Amino acid sequence: MVEGTVVAQLPSGLYQVEIDGPARVTAHIGGGMDKNFVRLLVGDRVQVELMPRDRTRGRVLKKV
């Protein structure tokens, strides 16, 4: 898991997250965040779990 900052909201519930370093990943909300109606805004710090096969995609696990 890595930490990053939400830099953009994309259609279909996706977010562009800039992880600590020069990389950006496209992530969707995972876990209980969508069930509990947690909203993410640009500038929020989040924890992202990267997909094992494609390091440019991930899942937002929680706000930090």
PDB file of N, CA and C in Angstrom:
ATOM      1  N   MET A   1       0.841  -1.177   0.000  1.00  0.00           N
ATOM      2  CA  MET A   1       0.000   0.000   0.000  1.00  0.00           C
ATOM      3  C   MET A   1       0.884   1.238   0.000  1.00  0.00           C
ATOM      4  N   VAL A   2       0.437   2.238  -0.719  1.00  0.00           N
ATOM      5  CA  VAL A   2       1.159   3.500  -0.796  1.00  0.00           C
ATOM      6  C   VAL A   2       0.190   4.632  -0.497  1.00  0.00           C
ATOM      7  N   GLU A   3       0.726   5.778  -0.134  1.00  0.00           N
ATOM      8  CA  GLU A   3      -0.100   6.951   0.103  1.00  0.00           C
ATOM      9  C   GLU A   3       0.040   7.897  -1.075  1.00  0.00           C
ATOM     10  N   GLY A   4      -1.038   8.650  -1.316  1.00  0.00           N
ATOM     11  CA  GLY A   4      -1.014   9.610  -2.394  1.00  0.00           C
ATOM     12  C   GLY A   4      -2.074  10.672  -2.203  1.00  0.00           C
ATOM     13  N   THR A   5      -2.169  11.568  -3.178  1.00  0.00           N
ATOM     14  CA  THR A   5      -3.105  12.674  -3.137  1.00  0.00           C
ATOM     15  C   THR A   5      -4.020  12.596  -4.359  1.00  0.00           C
ATOM     16  N   VAL A   6      -5.312  12.772  -4.140  1.00  0.00           N
ATOM     17  CA  VAL A   6      -6.276  12.779  -5.237  1.00  0.00           C
ATOM     18  C   VAL A   6      -6.073  14.068  -6.029  1.00  0.00           C
ATOM     19  N   VAL A   7      -5.820  13.940  -7.341  1.00  0.00           N
ATOM     20  CA  VAL A   7      -5.592  15.121  -8.167  1.00  0.00           C
ATOM     21  C   VAL A   7      -6.736  15.377  -9.141  1.00  0.00           C
ATOM     22  N   ALA A   8      -7.580  14.371  -9.402  1.00  0.00           N
ATOM     23  CA  ALA A   8      -8.696  14.573 -10.330  1.00  0.00           C
ATOM     24  C   ALA A   8      -9.763  13.513 -10.106  1.00  0.00           C
ATOM     25  N   GLN A   9     -11.020  13.918 -10.326  1.00  0.00           N
ATOM     26  CA  GLN A   9     -12.130  12.975 -10.326  1.00  0.00           C
ATOM     27  C   GLN A   9     -12.462  12.657 -11.779  1.00  0.00           C
ATOM     28  N   LEU A  10     -12.551  11.375 -12.084  1.00  0.00           N
ATOM     29  CA  LEU A  10     -12.839  10.919 -13.438  1.00  0.00           C
ATOM     30  C   LEU A  10     -14.242  10.326 -13.472  1.00  0.00           C
ATOM     31  N   PRO A  11     -14.816  10.147 -14.659  1.00  0.00           N
ATOM     32  CA  PRO A  11     -16.144   9.519 -14.746  1.00  0.00           C
ATOM     33  C   PRO A  11     -16.130   8.082 -14.239  1.00  0.00           C
ATOM     34  N   SER A  12     -17.307   7.564 -13.932  1.00  0.00           N
ATOM     35  CA  SER A  12     -17.518   6.177 -13.505  1.00  0.00           C
ATOM     36  C   SER A  12     -16.875   5.860 -12.162  1.00  0.00           C
ATOM     37  N   GLY A  13     -16.770   6.831 -11.282  1.00  0.00           N
ATOM     38  CA  GLY A  13     -16.255   6.581  -9.940  1.00  0.00           C
ATOM     39  C   GLY A  13     -14.766   6.334  -9.866  1.00  0.00           C
ATOM     40  N   LEU A  14     -14.013   6.816 -10.837  1.00  0.00           N
ATOM     41  CA  LEU A  14     -12.565   6.661 -10.834  1.00  0.00           C
ATOM     42  C   LEU A  14     -11.905   7.956 -10.379  1.00  0.00           C
ATOM     43  N   TYR A  15     -10.696   7.810  -9.842  1.00  0.00           N
ATOM     44  CA  TYR A  15      -9.935   8.956  -9.360  1.00  0.00           C
ATOM     45  C   TYR A  15      -8.513   8.860  -9.871  1.00  0.00           C
ATOM     46  N   GLN A  16      -7.928  10.004 -10.193  1.00  0.00           N
ATOM     47  CA  GLN A  16      -6.518  10.074 -10.559  1.00  0.00           C
ATOM     48  C   GLN A  16      -5.763  10.423  -9.282  1.00  0.00           C
ATOM     49  N   VAL A  17      -4.855   9.535  -8.852  1.00  0.00           N
ATOM     50  CA  VAL A  17      -4.127   9.707  -7.593  1.00  0.00           C
ATOM     51  C   VAL A  17      -2.645   9.811  -7.902  1.00  0.00           C
ATOM     52  N   GLU A  18      -2.018  10.862  -7.384  1.00  0.00           N
ATOM     53  CA  GLU A  18      -0.569  11.015  -7.528  1.00  0.00           C
ATOM     54  C   GLU A  18       0.071  10.430  -6.281  1.00  0.00           C
ATOM     55  N   ILE A  19       0.745   9.295  -6.464  1.00  0.00           N
ATOM     56  CA  ILE A  19       1.366   8.642  -5.316  1.00  0.00           C
ATOM     57  C   ILE A  19       2.677   9.349  -5.010  1.00  0.00           C
ATOM     58  N   ASP A  20       3.192   9.123  -3.800  1.00  0.00           N
ATOM     59  CA  ASP A  20       4.425   9.782  -3.393  1.00  0.00           C
ATOM     60  C   ASP A  20       5.541   9.377  -4.336  1.00  0.00           C
ATOM     61  N   GLY A  21       5.963  10.297  -5.133  1.00  0.00           N
ATOM     62  CA  GLY A  21       6.920  10.055  -6.205  1.00  0.00           C
ATOM     63  C   GLY A  21       6.340  10.649  -7.483  1.00  0.00           C
ATOM     64  N   PRO A  22       6.938  10.379  -8.614  1.00  0.00           N
ATOM     65  CA  PRO A  22       6.483  11.008  -9.856  1.00  0.00           C
ATOM     66  C   PRO A  22       5.336  10.281 -10.557  1.00  0.00           C
ATOM     67  N   ALA A  23       4.799   9.224  -9.967  1.00  0.00           N
ATOM     68  CA  ALA A  23       3.821   8.390 -10.671  1.00  0.00           C
ATOM     69  C   ALA A  23       2.387   8.795 -10.353  1.00  0.00           C
ATOM     70  N   ARG A  24       1.496   8.557 -11.317  1.00  0.00           N
ATOM     71  CA  ARG A  24       0.056   8.733 -11.127  1.00  0.00           C
ATOM     72  C   ARG A  24      -0.629   7.424 -11.445  1.00  0.00           C
ATOM     73  N   VAL A  25      -1.652   7.100 -10.664  1.00  0.00           N
ATOM     74  CA  VAL A  25      -2.412   5.882 -10.882  1.00  0.00           C
ATOM     75  C   VAL A  25      -3.886   6.232 -10.990  1.00  0.00           C
ATOM     76  N   THR A  26      -4.628   5.392 -11.685  1.00  0.00           N
ATOM     77  CA  THR A  26      -6.078   5.508 -11.770  1.00  0.00           C
ATOM     78  C   THR A  26      -6.647   4.511 -10.770  1.00  0.00           C
ATOM     79  N   ALA A  27      -7.490   5.012  -9.859  1.00  0.00           N
ATOM     80  CA  ALA A  27      -7.971   4.146  -8.778  1.00  0.00           C
ATOM     81  C   ALA A  27      -9.477   4.275  -8.619  1.00  0.00           C
ATOM     82  N   HIS A  28     -10.096   3.194  -8.141  1.00  0.00           N
ATOM     83  CA  HIS A  28     -11.517   3.223  -7.802  1.00  0.00           C
ATOM     84  C   HIS A  28     -11.655   3.005  -6.299  1.00  0.00           C
ATOM     85  N   ILE A  29     -12.815   3.312  -5.767  1.00  0.00           N
ATOM     86  CA  ILE A  29     -13.049   3.155  -4.331  1.00  0.00           C
ATOM     87  C   ILE A  29     -13.300   1.686  -4.040  1.00  0.00           C
ATOM     88  N   GLY A  30     -12.650   1.167  -3.017  1.00  0.00           N
ATOM     89  CA  GLY A  30     -12.827  -0.227  -2.663  1.00  0.00           C
ATOM     90  C   GLY A  30     -13.189  -0.389  -1.207  1.00  0.00           C
ATOM     91  N   GLY A  31     -13.468  -1.617  -0.834  1.00  0.00           N
ATOM     92  CA  GLY A  31     -13.777  -1.927   0.550  1.00  0.00           C
ATOM     93  C   GLY A  31     -15.113  -1.349   0.980  1.00  0.00           C
ATOM     94  N   GLY A  32     -15.179  -0.895   2.214  1.00  0.00           N
ATOM     95  CA  GLY A  32     -16.412  -0.356   2.755  1.00  0.00           C
ATOM     96  C   GLY A  32     -16.620   1.115   2.478  1.00  0.00           C
ATOM     97  N   MET A  33     -15.688   1.749   1.755  1.00  0.00           N
ATOM     98  CA  MET A  33     -15.813   3.184   1.517  1.00  0.00           C
ATOM     99  C   MET A  33     -17.048   3.517   0.692  1.00  0.00           C
ATOM    100  N   ASP A  34     -17.352   2.706  -0.316  1.00  0.00           N
ATOM    101  CA  ASP A  34     -18.514   3.005  -1.151  1.00  0.00           C
ATOM    102  C   ASP A  34     -19.819   2.676  -0.430  1.00  0.00           C
ATOM    103  N   LYS A  35     -19.810   1.673   0.439  1.00  0.00           N
ATOM    104  CA  LYS A  35     -21.010   1.313   1.184  1.00  0.00           C
ATOM    105  C   LYS A  35     -21.359   2.366   2.230  1.00  0.00           C
ATOM    106  N   ASN A  36     -20.332   3.026   2.774  1.00  0.00           N
ATOM    107  CA  ASN A  36     -20.545   4.043   3.797  1.00  0.00           C
ATOM    108  C   ASN A  36     -20.610   5.454   3.220  1.00  0.00           C
ATOM    109  N   PHE A  37     -20.677   5.574   1.903  1.00  0.00           N
ATOM    110  CA  PHE A  37     -20.823   6.853   1.206  1.00  0.00           C
ATOM    111  C   PHE A  37     -19.712   7.840   1.551  1.00  0.00           C
ATOM    112  N   VAL A  38     -18.475   7.363   1.617  1.00  0.00           N
ATOM    113  CA  VAL A  38     -17.338   8.242   1.839  1.00  0.00           C
ATOM    114  C   VAL A  38     -17.047   8.954   0.533  1.00  0.00           C
ATOM    115  N   ARG A  39     -16.959  10.277   0.577  1.00  0.00           N
ATOM    116  CA  ARG A  39     -16.705  11.065  -0.627  1.00  0.00           C
ATOM    117  C   ARG A  39     -15.251  11.514  -0.646  1.00  0.00           C
ATOM    118  N   LEU A  40     -14.652  11.464  -1.805  1.00  0.00           N
ATOM    119  CA  LEU A  40     -13.288  11.935  -1.973  1.00  0.00           C
ATOM    120  C   LEU A  40     -13.305  13.219  -2.774  1.00  0.00           C
ATOM    121  N   LEU A  41     -12.496  14.166  -2.366  1.00  0.00           N
ATOM    122  CA  LEU A  41     -12.359  15.432  -3.063  1.00  0.00           C
ATOM    123  C   LEU A  41     -10.918  15.602  -3.508  1.00  0.00           C
ATOM    124  N   VAL A  42     -10.716  16.479  -4.469  1.00  0.00           N
ATOM    125  CA  VAL A  42      -9.367  16.767  -4.942  1.00  0.00           C
ATOM    126  C   VAL A  42      -8.569  17.345  -3.776  1.00  0.00           C
ATOM    127  N   GLY A  43      -7.389  16.801  -3.546  1.00  0.00           N
ATOM    128  CA  GLY A  43      -6.539  17.245  -2.442  1.00  0.00           C
ATOM    129  C   GLY A  43      -6.554  16.316  -1.247  1.00  0.00           C
ATOM    130  N   ASP A  44      -7.470  15.350  -1.192  1.00  0.00           N
ATOM    131  CA  ASP A  44      -7.527  14.410  -0.077  1.00  0.00           C
ATOM    132  C   ASP A  44      -6.333  13.453  -0.131  1.00  0.00           C
ATOM    133  N   ARG A  45      -5.784  13.126   1.034  1.00  0.00           N
ATOM    134  CA  ARG A  45      -4.727  12.130   1.140  1.00  0.00           C
ATOM    135  C   ARG A  45      -5.386  10.767   1.332  1.00  0.00           C
ATOM    136  N   VAL A  46      -4.956   9.769   0.567  1.00  0.00           N
ATOM    137  CA  VAL A  46      -5.563   8.445   0.606  1.00  0.00           C
ATOM    138  C   VAL A  46      -4.486   7.366   0.593  1.00  0.00           C
ATOM    139  N   GLN A  47      -4.871   6.159   1.039  1.00  0.00           N
ATOM    140  CA  GLN A  47      -4.029   4.977   0.910  1.00  0.00           C
ATOM    141  C   GLN A  47      -4.522   4.179  -0.282  1.00  0.00           C
ATOM    142  N   VAL A  48      -3.607   3.803  -1.159  1.00  0.00           N
ATOM    143  CA  VAL A  48      -3.957   3.094  -2.390  1.00  0.00           C
ATOM    144  C   VAL A  48      -3.253   1.743  -2.411  1.00  0.00           C
ATOM    145  N   GLU A  49      -4.015   0.716  -2.760  1.00  0.00           N
ATOM    146  CA  GLU A  49      -3.450  -0.614  -2.980  1.00  0.00           C
ATOM    147  C   GLU A  49      -3.290  -0.781  -4.482  1.00  0.00           C
ATOM    148  N   LEU A  50      -2.063  -1.022  -4.948  1.00  0.00           N
ATOM    149  CA  LEU A  50      -1.799  -1.165  -6.378  1.00  0.00           C
ATOM    150  C   LEU A  50      -2.101  -2.586  -6.836  1.00  0.00           C
ATOM    151  N   MET A  51      -2.580  -2.707  -8.074  1.00  0.00           N
ATOM    152  CA  MET A  51      -2.861  -4.019  -8.642  1.00  0.00           C
ATOM    153  C   MET A  51      -1.539  -4.732  -8.953  1.00  0.00           C
ATOM    154  N   PRO A  52      -1.470  -6.038  -8.726  1.00  0.00           N
ATOM    155  CA  PRO A  52      -0.202  -6.745  -8.921  1.00  0.00           C
ATOM    156  C   PRO A  52       0.268  -6.792 -10.374  1.00  0.00           C
ATOM    157  N   ARG A  53      -0.645  -6.839 -11.312  1.00  0.00           N
ATOM    158  CA  ARG A  53      -0.238  -6.968 -12.716  1.00  0.00           C
ATOM    159  C   ARG A  53      -0.046  -5.637 -13.408  1.00  0.00           C
ATOM    160  N   ASP A  54      -0.788  -4.615 -12.978  1.00  0.00           N
ATOM    161  CA  ASP A  54      -0.731  -3.318 -13.639  1.00  0.00           C
ATOM    162  C   ASP A  54      -0.549  -2.248 -12.568  1.00  0.00           C
ATOM    163  N   ARG A  55       0.644  -1.703 -12.459  1.00  0.00           N
ATOM    164  CA  ARG A  55       0.959  -0.739 -11.407  1.00  0.00           C
ATOM    165  C   ARG A  55       0.395   0.655 -11.677  1.00  0.00           C
ATOM    166  N   THR A  56      -0.336   0.841 -12.776  1.00  0.00           N
ATOM    167  CA  THR A  56      -0.963   2.132 -13.049  1.00  0.00           C
ATOM    168  C   THR A  56      -2.417   2.142 -12.604  1.00  0.00           C
ATOM    169  N   ARG A  57      -2.899   1.048 -12.026  1.00  0.00           N
ATOM    170  CA  ARG A  57      -4.277   0.952 -11.550  1.00  0.00           C
ATOM    171  C   ARG A  57      -4.258   0.556 -10.084  1.00  0.00           C
ATOM    172  N   GLY A  58      -5.307   0.960  -9.364  1.00  0.00           N
ATOM    173  CA  GLY A  58      -5.318   0.638  -7.951  1.00  0.00           C
ATOM    174  C   GLY A  58      -6.700   0.788  -7.349  1.00  0.00           C
ATOM    175  N   ARG A  59      -6.752   0.631  -6.019  1.00  0.00           N
ATOM    176  CA  ARG A  59      -7.992   0.707  -5.270  1.00  0.00           C
ATOM    177  C   ARG A  59      -7.743   1.574  -4.041  1.00  0.00           C
ATOM    178  N   VAL A  60      -8.589   2.563  -3.829  1.00  0.00           N
ATOM    179  CA  VAL A  60      -8.476   3.434  -2.664  1.00  0.00           C
ATOM    180  C   VAL A  60      -9.058   2.693  -1.472  1.00  0.00           C
ATOM    181  N   LEU A  61      -8.250   2.517  -0.424  1.00  0.00           N
ATOM    182  CA  LEU A  61      -8.698   1.776   0.743  1.00  0.00           C
ATOM    183  C   LEU A  61      -9.234   2.674   1.845  1.00  0.00           C
ATOM    184  N   LYS A  62      -8.567   3.819   2.087  1.00  0.00           N
ATOM    185  CA  LYS A  62      -9.058   4.708   3.131  1.00  0.00           C
ATOM    186  C   LYS A  62      -8.453   6.089   2.993  1.00  0.00           C
ATOM    187  N   LYS A  63      -9.143   7.073   3.608  1.00  0.00           N
ATOM    188  CA  LYS A  63      -8.605   8.424   3.693  1.00  0.00           C
ATOM    189  C   LYS A  63      -7.612   8.468   4.838  1.00  0.00           C
ATOM    190  N   VAL A  64      -6.580   9.246   4.663  1.00  0.00           N
ATOM    191  CA  VAL A  64      -5.565   9.374   5.708  1.00  0.00           C
ATOM    192  C   VAL A  64      -5.723  10.703   6.405  1.00  0.00           C
TER     193      VAL A  64
END
